């Protein structure tokens, strides 16, 4: 019986490894093409497995004096938006889960309706609002719309509801204020949910292209995704397939580094959320 189980576990592991390799193939293909001369790729499309290799495509990206400005803009927007979403979602989640106030159910229902509204549907009124407030081509214009996170409010509300009420009641009986109870007792218990929400908010903000395309019209205010796209006027036909793939690698590299650094926190967060 144990031997059959061992063979079964090995088969499952082998299947998972094959699926992982299959999933990684497009990424490896992009990396290989980014290291190929554009002239070679224009003549042949089956040369990504062998030499020659070159870093010229990445050098062409770095030759733009605006690249590091775009990188800084993306970092500012992604980090600020992540921090704002965590703060607002935690406060709103606690309010919906632990307090009673007139219209709470109706207001929470409106938040849930926000999950069903696609972002593209509100681009025009949102852009007019930012233009009226003179926030076009500003960091605030890039950041503020992303702070409205219905999923974050929903996630934190459900997580706060899962915490036993006796913990809060005990703190209140010890004459702790409601804010102190929230800050010292309940909020530390939601760290797995906050880690999950923070990582996905950061990734979504970093990879966002459509909203920066709408709100940022000056090159100095481009995010990295918007700026790199502006360097590619006609995709592979104009700049070369290798250069196009190098842009994809350059834009994804910071996200991969963040994931590598916070990998254990992400695993812990997902496991903690699953136990809830």
Protein backbone atom coordinates (compact mmCIF):
# COMPACT_ATOMS: atom_id res chain seq x y z
CA UNK A 1 0.00 0.00 0.00
CA UNK A 2 2.81 2.39 0.91
CA UNK A 3 4.62 1.51 -2.33
CA UNK A 4 1.50 2.28 -4.39
CA UNK A 5 1.15 5.58 -2.57
CA UNK A 6 4.80 6.40 -3.21
CA UNK A 7 4.40 5.76 -6.94
CA UNK A 8 1.22 7.83 -6.97
CA UNK A 9 2.97 10.77 -5.25
CA UNK A 10 5.85 10.55 -7.70
CA UNK A 11 3.45 10.56 -10.62
CA UNK A 12 1.65 13.62 -9.25
CA UNK A 13 4.99 15.38 -8.73
CA UNK A 14 6.12 14.53 -12.26
CA UNK A 15 2.83 15.83 -13.66
CA UNK A 16 3.17 19.08 -11.71
CA UNK A 17 6.73 19.53 -12.96
CA UNK A 18 5.59 19.06 -16.55
CA UNK A 19 2.80 21.59 -16.07
CA UNK A 20 5.25 24.05 -14.49
CA UNK A 21 7.65 23.62 -17.42
CA UNK A 22 4.81 24.12 -19.87
CA UNK A 23 3.79 27.30 -18.03
CA UNK A 24 7.40 28.59 -18.06
CA UNK A 25 7.98 28.00 -21.77
CA UNK A 26 6.50 31.35 -22.93
CA UNK A 27 8.60 33.20 -20.36
CA UNK A 28 11.76 31.38 -21.45
CA UNK A 29 10.90 32.12 -25.07
CA UNK A 30 10.53 35.85 -24.29
CA UNK A 31 13.86 35.87 -22.42
CA UNK A 32 15.65 34.06 -25.24
CA UNK A 33 14.32 36.41 -27.92
CA UNK A 34 15.31 39.46 -25.87
CA UNK A 35 18.95 38.29 -26.09
CA UNK A 36 18.93 37.90 -29.89
CA UNK A 37 20.02 40.47 -32.50
CA UNK A 38 17.04 42.02 -34.24
CA UNK A 39 18.65 41.53 -37.64
CA UNK A 40 18.80 37.77 -37.07
CA UNK A 41 15.19 37.58 -35.88
CA UNK A 42 13.99 39.42 -38.97
CA UNK A 43 15.43 36.68 -41.17
CA UNK A 44 14.72 33.62 -39.02
CA UNK A 45 12.26 32.89 -36.22
CA UNK A 46 13.65 29.53 -35.05
CA UNK A 47 17.00 30.65 -33.62
CA UNK A 48 16.07 31.35 -30.02
CA UNK A 49 17.70 28.17 -28.65
CA UNK A 50 21.26 28.79 -29.83
CA UNK A 51 23.83 31.59 -30.16
CA UNK A 52 24.51 34.37 -30.92
CA UNK A 53 23.39 36.35 -27.90
CA UNK A 54 23.51 40.09 -27.27
CA UNK A 55 22.54 42.67 -24.65
CA UNK A 56 22.01 45.34 -27.29
CA UNK A 57 18.24 45.29 -26.90
CA UNK A 58 18.50 46.12 -23.18
CA UNK A 59 21.09 48.78 -23.96
CA UNK A 60 18.66 50.42 -26.37
CA UNK A 61 16.10 50.68 -23.56
CA UNK A 62 18.58 52.22 -21.11
CA UNK A 63 19.68 54.77 -23.69
CA UNK A 64 16.42 56.59 -23.10
CA UNK A 65 17.03 59.24 -20.42
CA UNK A 66 13.44 58.85 -19.21
CA UNK A 67 13.52 55.15 -18.32
CA UNK A 68 14.60 55.62 -14.71
CA UNK A 69 12.12 58.47 -14.32
CA UNK A 70 9.38 56.09 -15.49
CA UNK A 71 10.69 53.44 -13.09
CA UNK A 72 10.50 55.93 -10.23
CA UNK A 73 6.96 56.95 -11.19
CA UNK A 74 5.84 53.33 -11.18
CA UNK A 75 7.43 52.76 -7.77
CA UNK A 76 5.78 55.86 -6.28
CA UNK A 77 2.37 54.97 -7.68
CA UNK A 78 2.48 51.28 -6.79
CA UNK A 79 3.82 51.73 -3.24
CA UNK A 80 1.54 54.65 -2.37
CA UNK A 81 -1.50 52.94 -3.83
CA UNK A 82 -0.73 49.73 -1.95
CA UNK A 83 -0.34 51.55 1.36
CA UNK A 84 -3.54 53.54 0.79
CA UNK A 85 -5.58 50.47 -0.12
CA UNK A 86 -4.38 48.61 2.99
CA UNK A 87 -5.24 51.51 5.30
CA UNK A 88 -8.65 52.29 3.79
CA UNK A 89 -9.68 48.65 3.31
CA UNK A 90 -8.72 47.75 6.89
CA UNK A 91 -10.65 50.67 8.37
CA UNK A 92 -13.69 50.07 6.15
CA UNK A 93 -13.59 46.32 6.76
CA UNK A 94 -13.53 46.84 10.52
CA UNK A 95 -16.37 49.33 10.29
CA UNK A 96 -18.60 47.01 8.28
CA UNK A 97 -17.76 43.92 10.33
CA UNK A 98 -17.65 45.23 13.90
CA UNK A 99 -19.76 48.38 14.16
CA UNK A 100 -23.41 49.27 13.76
CA UNK A 101 -24.48 52.47 12.02
CA UNK A 102 -27.52 53.57 9.97
CA UNK A 103 -27.41 52.32 6.38
CA UNK A 104 -24.53 49.89 6.99
CA UNK A 105 -26.05 47.08 4.93
CA UNK A 106 -27.00 49.38 2.07
CA UNK A 107 -23.55 50.93 1.98
CA UNK A 108 -21.87 47.53 2.07
CA UNK A 109 -24.16 46.45 -0.76
CA UNK A 110 -22.95 49.41 -2.83
CA UNK A 111 -19.37 48.30 -2.21
CA UNK A 112 -20.19 44.81 -3.45
CA UNK A 113 -21.87 46.26 -6.54
CA UNK A 114 -18.54 47.97 -7.25
CA UNK A 115 -17.03 44.51 -7.77
CA UNK A 116 -19.31 44.02 -10.78
CA UNK A 117 -18.53 47.35 -12.46
CA UNK A 118 -15.61 47.12 -14.93
CA UNK A 119 -13.03 49.87 -14.60
CA UNK A 120 -13.30 50.76 -18.28
CA UNK A 121 -16.95 51.74 -17.77
CA UNK A 122 -16.03 54.70 -15.57
CA UNK A 123 -12.94 55.94 -17.42
CA UNK A 124 -14.69 58.92 -19.04
CA UNK A 125 -16.32 60.36 -15.89
CA UNK A 126 -13.19 59.54 -13.88
CA UNK A 127 -10.97 61.33 -16.39
CA UNK A 128 -13.28 64.37 -16.41
CA UNK A 129 -13.18 64.42 -12.61
CA UNK A 130 -9.37 64.33 -12.56
CA UNK A 131 -9.21 67.04 -15.24
CA UNK A 132 -11.63 69.24 -13.29
CA UNK A 133 -9.47 68.88 -10.19
CA UNK A 134 -6.39 69.68 -12.29
CA UNK A 135 -4.83 66.32 -11.44
CA UNK A 136 -3.94 65.23 -14.96
CA UNK A 137 -0.22 64.48 -15.35
CA UNK A 138 0.27 64.28 -11.58
CA UNK A 139 1.11 61.46 -9.21
CA UNK A 140 -2.17 62.11 -7.39
CA UNK A 141 -4.11 61.57 -10.61
CA UNK A 142 -2.36 58.25 -11.11
CA UNK A 143 -2.84 57.10 -7.53
CA UNK A 144 -6.26 58.27 -6.31
CA UNK A 145 -8.55 56.14 -8.55
CA UNK A 146 -6.77 52.98 -7.44
CA UNK A 147 -7.56 53.66 -3.79
CA UNK A 148 -11.17 52.65 -4.41
CA UNK A 149 -10.77 48.89 -3.91
CA UNK A 150 -14.11 47.08 -3.39
CA UNK A 151 -12.37 43.70 -3.29
CA UNK A 152 -10.06 44.92 -0.53
CA UNK A 153 -13.00 46.12 1.55
CA UNK A 154 -14.82 42.82 1.00
CA UNK A 155 -11.75 40.75 1.89
CA UNK A 156 -11.01 42.66 5.09
CA UNK A 157 -14.67 42.68 6.12
CA UNK A 158 -14.88 38.90 5.83
CA UNK A 159 -11.59 38.48 7.68
CA UNK A 160 -12.67 40.72 10.56
CA UNK A 161 -15.96 38.83 10.80
CA UNK A 162 -14.03 35.56 11.18
CA UNK A 163 -12.21 36.83 14.29
CA UNK A 164 -13.98 35.73 17.51
CA UNK A 165 -15.99 38.57 19.03
CA UNK A 166 -14.81 37.59 22.53
CA UNK A 167 -11.36 39.09 21.81
CA UNK A 168 -12.83 42.52 21.12
CA UNK A 169 -15.26 42.30 24.04
CA UNK A 170 -12.44 41.44 26.44
CA UNK A 171 -10.42 44.43 25.27
CA UNK A 172 -13.41 46.76 25.62
CA UNK A 173 -14.08 45.45 29.14
CA UNK A 174 -10.50 46.41 30.01
CA UNK A 175 -11.43 50.02 29.13
CA UNK A 176 -9.53 49.98 25.84
CA UNK A 177 -10.86 52.45 23.29
CA UNK A 178 -12.37 51.15 20.07
CA UNK A 179 -9.43 52.43 18.03
CA UNK A 180 -6.93 50.85 20.43
CA UNK A 181 -8.85 47.59 20.23
CA UNK A 182 -8.74 47.78 16.44
CA UNK A 183 -5.04 48.72 16.33
CA UNK A 184 -3.62 46.49 19.06
CA UNK A 185 -5.92 43.46 19.11
CA UNK A 186 -7.73 42.89 15.81
CA UNK A 187 -5.45 44.40 13.15
CA UNK A 188 -2.42 42.14 13.94
CA UNK A 189 -4.68 39.10 13.44
CA UNK A 190 -5.44 40.22 9.87
CA UNK A 191 -1.82 40.30 8.68
CA UNK A 192 -2.28 37.26 6.37
CA UNK A 193 -5.18 38.98 4.59
CA UNK A 194 -3.27 42.27 4.45
CA UNK A 195 -0.22 40.55 2.96
CA UNK A 196 -2.37 38.92 0.28
CA UNK A 197 -4.19 42.17 -0.52
CA UNK A 198 -0.96 44.20 -0.49
CA UNK A 199 0.89 41.93 -2.90
CA UNK A 200 -1.94 41.74 -5.41
CA UNK A 201 -2.58 45.49 -5.18
CA UNK A 202 1.09 46.20 -5.86
CA UNK A 203 1.18 43.84 -8.84
CA UNK A 204 -2.02 45.29 -10.29
CA UNK A 205 -0.79 48.86 -9.89
CA UNK A 206 2.66 48.12 -11.32
CA UNK A 207 1.28 46.34 -14.37
CA UNK A 208 -1.52 48.85 -15.03
CA UNK A 209 -1.32 50.36 -18.50
CA UNK A 210 -4.76 51.67 -19.44
CA UNK A 211 -5.23 54.31 -16.71
CA UNK A 212 -1.71 55.79 -17.09
CA UNK A 213 -2.40 55.88 -20.82
CA UNK A 214 -5.49 58.00 -20.16
CA UNK A 215 -4.27 60.33 -17.39
CA UNK A 216 -0.57 60.76 -18.25
CA UNK A 217 0.08 62.65 -21.49
CA UNK A 218 3.49 64.14 -20.66
CA UNK A 219 6.53 61.82 -21.01
CA UNK A 220 7.92 62.82 -17.62
CA UNK A 221 4.78 61.48 -15.93
CA UNK A 222 4.66 58.13 -17.72
CA UNK A 223 4.82 54.97 -15.66
CA UNK A 224 7.17 52.22 -16.78
CA UNK A 225 4.54 50.27 -18.74
CA UNK A 226 3.29 53.44 -20.45
CA UNK A 227 6.78 54.72 -21.20
CA UNK A 228 8.12 51.48 -22.64
CA UNK A 229 5.04 51.18 -24.83
CA UNK A 230 5.65 54.70 -26.15
CA UNK A 231 9.13 53.64 -27.27
CA UNK A 232 7.60 50.92 -29.44
CA UNK A 233 5.85 52.87 -32.19
CA UNK A 234 4.86 49.95 -34.40
CA UNK A 235 5.69 46.81 -32.42
CA UNK A 236 8.11 44.33 -33.92
CA UNK A 237 7.82 45.66 -37.46
CA UNK A 238 9.52 48.95 -36.56
CA UNK A 239 11.90 48.28 -33.67
CA UNK A 240 12.50 44.55 -33.86
CA UNK A 241 11.12 41.54 -32.05
CA UNK A 242 14.13 41.31 -29.73
CA UNK A 243 13.65 44.89 -28.58
CA UNK A 244 9.96 44.21 -27.93
CA UNK A 245 10.81 41.17 -25.80
CA UNK A 246 13.50 43.12 -23.92
CA UNK A 247 10.86 45.67 -22.94
CA UNK A 248 8.69 42.92 -21.49
CA UNK A 249 11.62 41.54 -19.46
CA UNK A 250 12.63 45.00 -18.23
CA UNK A 251 9.09 45.82 -17.07
CA UNK A 252 8.64 42.44 -15.35
CA UNK A 253 12.04 42.28 -13.62
CA UNK A 254 11.15 44.53 -10.62
CA UNK A 255 7.97 42.55 -10.02
CA UNK A 256 9.89 39.26 -10.11
CA UNK A 257 12.40 40.64 -7.61
CA UNK A 258 9.59 41.74 -5.28
CA UNK A 259 7.97 38.31 -5.55
CA UNK A 260 11.28 36.53 -4.88
CA UNK A 261 11.83 38.65 -1.76
CA UNK A 262 8.29 38.30 -0.39
CA UNK A 263 7.67 34.73 -1.52
CA UNK A 264 7.55 33.26 1.97
CA UNK A 265 5.19 36.01 3.10
CA UNK A 266 2.88 35.31 0.16
CA UNK A 267 2.79 31.57 0.96
CA UNK A 268 2.09 32.30 4.62
CA UNK A 269 -0.61 34.79 3.69
CA UNK A 270 -2.43 32.41 1.35
CA UNK A 271 -2.16 29.55 3.87
CA UNK A 272 -3.45 31.76 6.67
CA UNK A 273 -6.35 32.95 4.55
CA UNK A 274 -7.21 29.37 3.63
CA UNK A 275 -7.32 28.34 7.29
CA UNK A 276 -9.84 31.07 7.94
